[in-house]
Amino acid sequence: MSDHSQISDYCRYFSLRQKVYLVNMSAERDRDLYESLSGVVTSSGMDSLELMITHGGHGTHDDEVGKATYKLTSEALGGGIQVLADLTGIVADNIFQFRMHGTLELFQRRSDSRVDLSTPIFQLRRNFRLELFKKEWKRVMDHLSNNNALPGLVLKETMVNLSAGGIGLTVEASNRPTSLSMFFIALDEGLPVCALAETAWEQKVEDGLRCGFRFIHILKADQERINNYVSELVRKSGGTPLDYKRNWVLVDQMVADARKPR
C-alpha cells in the first residue's frame, strides 16, 4: 500500500525529536553500496528540516553541501513516510540541514525476514568516528577481494538474530558495545560478509545485555546474500520469507521508482 502527495508544506509530517533514517540517494553515489545514517529532528519548516545525526564524523564533508541528496524515511499517520531532500548545510559536525522536495510517499511499514541461528562472527568495537570506520571498511574489502582472506581474523560461533537490515546478539553486561561496530559474518563457504553497523537498542537480560545493530554501510550484494540465506532457513522451517526490498529503509529507491517499467 502506498500513496503519493505533492505538497509544499512537509513540516506537518516531522515533529521535534522524531527519529529519521537517511539513505544516500546522491547522483554520484556508489550504486553497489547501501549507505545510511540516522538522526532526530531538531527543527522543521515548510520545506526545510534540521537533523541531529546520531554519529559525529559521519564522513560527509562540506564540499557535499549542494550536491548530496538523501531519502528521509520516518513514521507518521500510522505508517511510513519518505521524501527526497538535498543537503543544504552542515552545522557543528552533527547537524544536517535539508531542503525537501518532490513527492512525499506514504507506505505500509514492512519488516524483513529474520532468523535465530548460530554462525561464526567477529565484532570489531572501537570508539572510532564513522569516517574512520568507512576507511577501514574499504581497506578490508579491498584486501578480501584481492587476497580472499584477512590475516588474524578469527570468527567465533555465536547465536545471533540476523536479517538483511541488521543483527542482534547478547554480550556480557560489562562489555557494552560502542555506538559503531564492524561485523564479519560467515554464512557459507564464501568470504564473510563485512558491514558497518550502529547500535540501535540495548536491553538487559538474564545472561547479559541483548543488543540490536542496524547495518548502515554494506554492499547491496551482501544484503541480498544475507536475505537469501535467511529466506532459505525461513522456508525450511515452514514460513514464508518477506521481500526486504519492500522495507523502504533498506533500499536507495522510492516507491515510484520501483513501479517504473524496466
Protein backbone atom coordinates (compact mmCIF):
# COMPACT_ATOMS: atom_id res chain seq x y z
CA MET A 1 0.00 0.00 0.00
CA SER A 2 1.37 3.40 -0.87
CA ASP A 3 0.20 6.90 -1.61
CA HIS A 4 1.82 9.95 -3.12
CA SER A 5 1.34 13.56 -2.16
CA GLN A 6 2.72 16.59 -3.98
CA ILE A 7 2.89 19.15 -1.18
CA SER A 8 4.80 22.27 -0.31
CA ASP A 9 4.36 22.02 3.47
CA TYR A 10 6.22 18.95 4.73
CA CYS A 11 6.65 20.04 8.34
CA ARG A 12 3.34 18.55 9.48
CA TYR A 13 4.94 15.12 9.00
CA PHE A 14 8.09 15.83 11.03
CA SER A 15 7.91 16.72 14.72
CA LEU A 16 10.67 17.60 17.18
CA ARG A 17 12.77 14.64 18.36
CA GLN A 18 11.24 12.38 15.71
CA LYS A 19 13.55 9.57 14.56
CA VAL A 20 14.56 9.76 10.89
CA TYR A 21 16.62 7.36 8.79
CA LEU A 22 18.69 8.81 5.96
CA VAL A 23 19.58 6.79 2.87
CA ASN A 24 22.16 8.11 0.43
CA MET A 25 20.46 8.88 -2.91
CA SER A 26 23.11 11.20 -4.38
CA ALA A 27 23.63 11.01 -8.13
CA GLU A 28 27.35 10.32 -7.63
CA ARG A 29 26.91 7.59 -5.00
CA ASP A 30 28.35 4.11 -5.34
CA ARG A 31 25.36 2.20 -6.73
CA ASP A 32 26.69 -1.09 -5.35
CA LEU A 33 26.68 0.21 -1.78
CA TYR A 34 23.87 0.85 0.70
CA GLU A 35 24.73 3.81 2.94
CA SER A 36 22.54 5.09 5.73
CA LEU A 37 22.59 7.41 8.72
CA SER A 38 20.11 8.11 11.48
CA GLY A 39 19.14 11.28 13.28
CA VAL A 40 16.46 13.15 15.16
CA VAL A 41 14.54 16.26 14.14
CA THR A 42 15.71 19.47 15.81
CA SER A 43 13.67 21.93 13.72
CA SER A 44 11.46 21.99 10.63
CA GLY A 45 9.88 24.46 8.23
CA MET A 46 7.57 24.18 5.23
CA ASP A 47 10.24 22.55 3.07
CA SER A 48 13.24 22.60 5.41
CA LEU A 49 14.41 20.15 8.04
CA GLU A 50 17.29 20.08 10.50
CA LEU A 51 18.51 16.74 11.85
CA MET A 52 20.97 15.92 14.60
CA ILE A 53 22.94 12.99 13.22
CA THR A 54 23.49 10.15 15.64
CA HIS A 55 27.21 9.86 14.95
CA GLY A 56 29.70 12.67 14.54
CA GLY A 57 32.44 12.18 11.99
CA HIS A 58 29.81 10.90 9.60
CA GLY A 59 32.10 11.08 6.59
CA THR A 60 30.01 13.74 4.85
CA HIS A 61 32.05 16.85 4.07
CA ASP A 62 31.24 20.48 3.44
CA ASP A 63 32.02 20.04 -0.26
CA GLU A 64 28.97 17.73 -0.49
CA VAL A 65 26.63 20.55 0.52
CA GLY A 66 24.53 21.38 -2.51
CA LYS A 67 25.44 18.06 -4.17
CA ALA A 68 24.31 15.30 -1.79
CA THR A 69 20.73 14.02 -1.77
CA TYR A 70 19.22 11.72 0.84
CA LYS A 71 15.97 9.87 1.19
CA LEU A 72 14.46 10.71 4.57
CA THR A 73 12.36 7.87 5.96
CA SER A 74 10.29 8.02 9.13
CA GLU A 75 6.85 7.28 10.56
CA ALA A 76 3.71 9.42 10.52
CA LEU A 77 -0.04 8.95 10.28
CA GLY A 78 0.29 5.36 11.49
CA GLY A 79 2.54 4.31 8.62
CA GLY A 80 5.81 5.02 6.88
CA ILE A 81 6.78 8.18 5.03
CA GLN A 82 9.70 9.05 2.79
CA VAL A 83 10.78 12.09 0.83
CA LEU A 84 13.88 13.24 -1.04
CA ALA A 85 15.92 16.04 0.48
CA ASP A 86 19.01 17.94 -0.66
CA LEU A 87 21.77 18.65 1.85
CA THR A 88 21.98 22.44 2.21
CA GLY A 89 24.28 22.81 5.23
CA ILE A 90 26.31 21.08 7.95
CA VAL A 91 26.50 22.75 11.36
CA ALA A 92 28.83 21.76 14.21
CA ASP A 93 29.73 18.42 12.60
CA ASN A 94 26.49 16.63 13.50
CA ILE A 95 23.63 18.92 12.43
CA PHE A 96 22.46 18.41 8.84
CA GLN A 97 20.21 20.95 7.13
CA PHE A 98 17.94 19.84 4.28
CA ARG A 99 15.54 21.16 1.69
CA MET A 100 12.80 18.64 0.98
CA HIS A 101 11.26 18.42 -2.46
CA GLY A 102 9.03 16.36 -4.71
CA THR A 103 6.60 13.64 -3.77
CA LEU A 104 6.06 12.63 -0.17
CA GLU A 105 5.30 8.92 -0.23
CA LEU A 106 3.19 7.14 2.35
CA PHE A 107 3.63 3.39 2.62
CA GLN A 108 2.76 0.42 4.74
CA ARG A 109 5.56 -0.36 7.16
CA ARG A 110 7.13 -3.74 6.49
CA SER A 111 9.66 -5.95 8.20
CA ASP A 112 12.36 -8.11 6.66
CA SER A 113 12.81 -11.83 7.25
CA ARG A 114 14.96 -12.63 10.27
CA VAL A 115 16.02 -15.84 11.99
CA ASP A 116 17.86 -17.01 15.08
CA LEU A 117 20.89 -19.08 14.17
CA SER A 118 24.39 -19.99 15.27
CA THR A 119 27.10 -18.75 12.90
CA PRO A 120 30.74 -17.63 13.13
CA ILE A 121 31.10 -13.85 13.54
CA PHE A 122 33.58 -11.25 14.67
CA GLN A 123 32.57 -7.84 16.00
CA LEU A 124 35.15 -5.04 15.91
CA ARG A 125 34.27 -2.48 18.59
CA ARG A 126 36.09 0.81 18.63
CA ASN A 127 35.28 4.38 19.59
CA PHE A 128 36.03 5.45 16.03
CA ARG A 129 34.21 8.14 14.14
CA LEU A 130 32.15 6.82 11.27
CA GLU A 131 34.53 8.42 8.78
CA LEU A 132 37.40 6.28 10.12
CA PHE A 133 35.24 3.16 10.15
CA LYS A 134 34.38 3.74 6.47
CA LYS A 135 38.06 3.97 5.57
CA GLU A 136 38.78 0.77 7.47
CA TRP A 137 35.82 -0.97 5.81
CA LYS A 138 37.17 -0.04 2.37
CA ARG A 139 40.65 -1.27 3.29
CA VAL A 140 39.21 -4.58 4.49
CA MET A 141 37.04 -5.03 1.40
CA ASP A 142 39.97 -4.30 -0.91
CA HIS A 143 42.07 -6.84 0.96
CA LEU A 144 39.34 -9.51 0.85
CA SER A 145 38.76 -9.04 -2.86
CA ASN A 146 42.48 -9.32 -3.63
CA ASN A 147 43.55 -11.99 -1.18
CA ASN A 148 40.37 -13.91 -0.25
CA ALA A 149 41.40 -13.87 3.41
CA LEU A 150 42.14 -11.45 6.23
CA PRO A 151 45.21 -12.31 8.34
CA GLY A 152 44.47 -12.67 12.03
CA LEU A 153 40.68 -12.62 11.62
CA VAL A 154 39.16 -15.23 13.94
CA LEU A 155 35.41 -15.72 13.84
CA LYS A 156 33.64 -17.18 16.85
CA GLU A 157 30.50 -19.32 16.72
CA THR A 158 27.73 -17.12 18.14
CA MET A 159 23.95 -17.23 18.49
CA VAL A 160 22.55 -14.26 16.59
CA ASN A 161 19.32 -12.92 15.17
CA LEU A 162 20.04 -11.99 11.57
CA SER A 163 18.30 -10.13 8.75
CA ALA A 164 19.27 -8.06 5.73
CA GLY A 165 18.79 -4.98 7.90
CA GLY A 166 20.85 -5.89 10.94
CA ILE A 167 21.96 -8.32 13.60
CA GLY A 168 21.12 -8.97 17.23
CA LEU A 169 23.15 -10.79 19.87
CA THR A 170 23.78 -11.00 23.60
CA VAL A 171 27.01 -9.65 25.11
CA GLU A 172 28.36 -9.57 28.64
CA ALA A 173 26.88 -6.70 30.64
CA SER A 174 30.41 -5.44 31.35
CA ASN A 175 31.24 -5.43 27.64
CA ARG A 176 28.77 -2.82 26.47
CA PRO A 177 29.10 -2.16 22.71
CA THR A 178 30.37 1.08 21.23
CA SER A 179 27.96 3.14 19.15
CA LEU A 180 29.52 1.82 15.93
CA SER A 181 30.86 -1.63 15.07
CA MET A 182 32.24 -3.56 12.14
CA PHE A 183 30.80 -7.05 11.76
CA PHE A 184 32.26 -10.04 9.94
CA ILE A 185 29.61 -12.73 9.41
CA ALA A 186 30.21 -16.18 7.91
CA LEU A 187 27.18 -17.50 6.03
CA ASP A 188 28.60 -20.26 3.83
CA GLU A 189 31.91 -21.32 2.31
CA GLY A 190 32.44 -17.90 0.72
CA LEU A 191 34.09 -14.81 2.15
CA PRO A 192 32.48 -13.39 5.29
CA VAL A 193 30.06 -10.51 4.94
CA CYS A 194 31.63 -7.29 6.22
CA ALA A 195 29.31 -4.48 7.30
CA LEU A 196 29.33 -1.38 9.47
CA ALA A 197 26.52 -1.15 11.98
CA GLU A 198 25.16 1.26 14.56
CA THR A 199 23.87 0.17 17.95
CA ALA A 200 20.09 0.54 17.63
CA TRP A 201 18.92 -0.68 21.03
CA GLU A 202 20.04 -2.40 24.22
CA GLN A 203 18.09 -4.47 26.74
CA LYS A 204 19.21 -6.08 29.97
CA VAL A 205 18.58 -9.83 30.04
CA GLU A 206 19.35 -12.61 32.48
CA ASP A 207 22.67 -13.56 30.90
CA GLY A 208 23.92 -10.12 29.91
CA LEU A 209 22.93 -7.36 27.53
CA ARG A 210 20.83 -8.03 24.44
CA CYS A 211 21.79 -5.62 21.65
CA GLY A 212 20.40 -4.84 18.24
CA PHE A 213 22.58 -3.39 15.49
CA ARG A 214 21.44 -1.76 12.24
CA PHE A 215 23.60 -2.15 9.13
CA ILE A 216 24.46 1.31 7.79
CA HIS A 217 27.30 0.57 5.34
CA ILE A 218 27.06 -2.68 3.40
CA LEU A 219 27.33 -3.92 -0.16
CA LYS A 220 23.93 -4.46 -1.75
CA ALA A 221 25.19 -7.86 -2.88
CA ASP A 222 25.77 -8.74 0.77
CA GLN A 223 22.30 -7.50 1.73
CA GLU A 224 20.97 -9.87 -0.94
CA ARG A 225 23.24 -12.66 0.23
CA ILE A 226 22.06 -12.38 3.83
CA ASN A 227 18.44 -12.19 2.69
CA ASN A 228 18.76 -15.32 0.52
CA TYR A 229 20.41 -17.24 3.35
CA VAL A 230 17.80 -16.16 5.90
CA SER A 231 14.90 -16.74 3.48
CA GLU A 232 16.04 -20.31 2.86
CA LEU A 233 16.05 -21.01 6.61
CA VAL A 234 12.58 -19.47 6.91
CA ARG A 235 11.30 -21.74 4.11
CA LYS A 236 12.85 -24.82 5.73
CA SER A 237 11.02 -24.01 8.96
CA GLY A 238 7.72 -23.78 7.08
CA GLY A 239 7.48 -19.99 6.97
CA THR A 240 7.10 -17.50 4.15
CA PRO A 241 10.04 -15.14 3.63
CA LEU A 242 9.46 -11.40 3.24
CA ASP A 243 10.85 -9.25 0.45
CA TYR A 244 13.35 -6.97 2.20
CA LYS A 245 13.27 -4.60 -0.79
CA ARG A 246 9.77 -3.55 0.30
CA ASN A 247 11.21 -2.41 3.60
CA TRP A 248 11.91 1.06 2.25
CA VAL A 249 14.52 1.88 4.89
CA LEU A 250 16.77 -0.79 3.35
CA VAL A 251 16.85 0.43 -0.26
CA ASP A 252 18.04 3.56 -2.07
CA GLN A 253 14.81 3.76 -4.00
CA MET A 254 11.43 5.44 -3.84
CA VAL A 255 8.14 3.56 -4.20
CA ALA A 256 7.52 5.28 -7.53
CA ASP A 257 10.93 4.16 -8.81
CA ALA A 258 10.12 0.51 -8.06
CA ARG A 259 6.99 0.77 -10.18
CA LYS A 260 8.68 2.15 -13.27
CA PRO A 261 8.92 -0.34 -16.17
CA ARG A 262 12.41 -1.71 -16.67
